[in-house]
Amino acid sequence: MRLWWTLALLALGLAACSSGYNASGTWEGVATNRNYPYDAATVRFILHDQGGVLSGSHYALLDAGWTYVGEVRGTRSGQEASWRVDAPNGYILVEGAFQGEAFRGTYTVAVYGSGNLTATLFLSRARVQNLGFPHGKGPLAQQMAALLEEER
């Protein structure tokens, strides 16, 4: 009986350790404007996951170069996650779920005084690929540029 309890506790301990997801890493993908499917932005998140507390950096491919957007702050519970990036004129809110090496969710760009634009977000954990292709100057790119514009 004692051996059974020992094995049961060991199994529970191993299950608790192996079921934890860690989102740390570089995630790249595309945010696609829900209203205009041809309008998209390439984005990158460098995430640090410490027990479900997310931090890191966000970059977007604007004008054919990676632009620092801001610091990531958020949480992850199991596979579900949400994080926010504050910028000079607003913020970006990401909500969704990790699925192994992928993330699917929403990417909302909020510019103070201009409203919100919500995009569908698909990310994958980056290896050696670079999704650095420019997408043009659609409404999503314009909203992001307005978000980052310094006040004068």
Foldseek 3Di string as FASTA:
>chain_A
DVVVVVVVVVVVVVCVVVQDDWPAAKKWWKWAFPVDRLDIWIKIWHWGQDPFWIWGWIWTQAPLDTDTAAIWTWGDDRFWIKIKGAAQFFIWIWTFGDDDQKTWTKIWQQGVPPGITITTIIIGGDDPDDPRDDRDDDPVSVSSVNRHDHDD
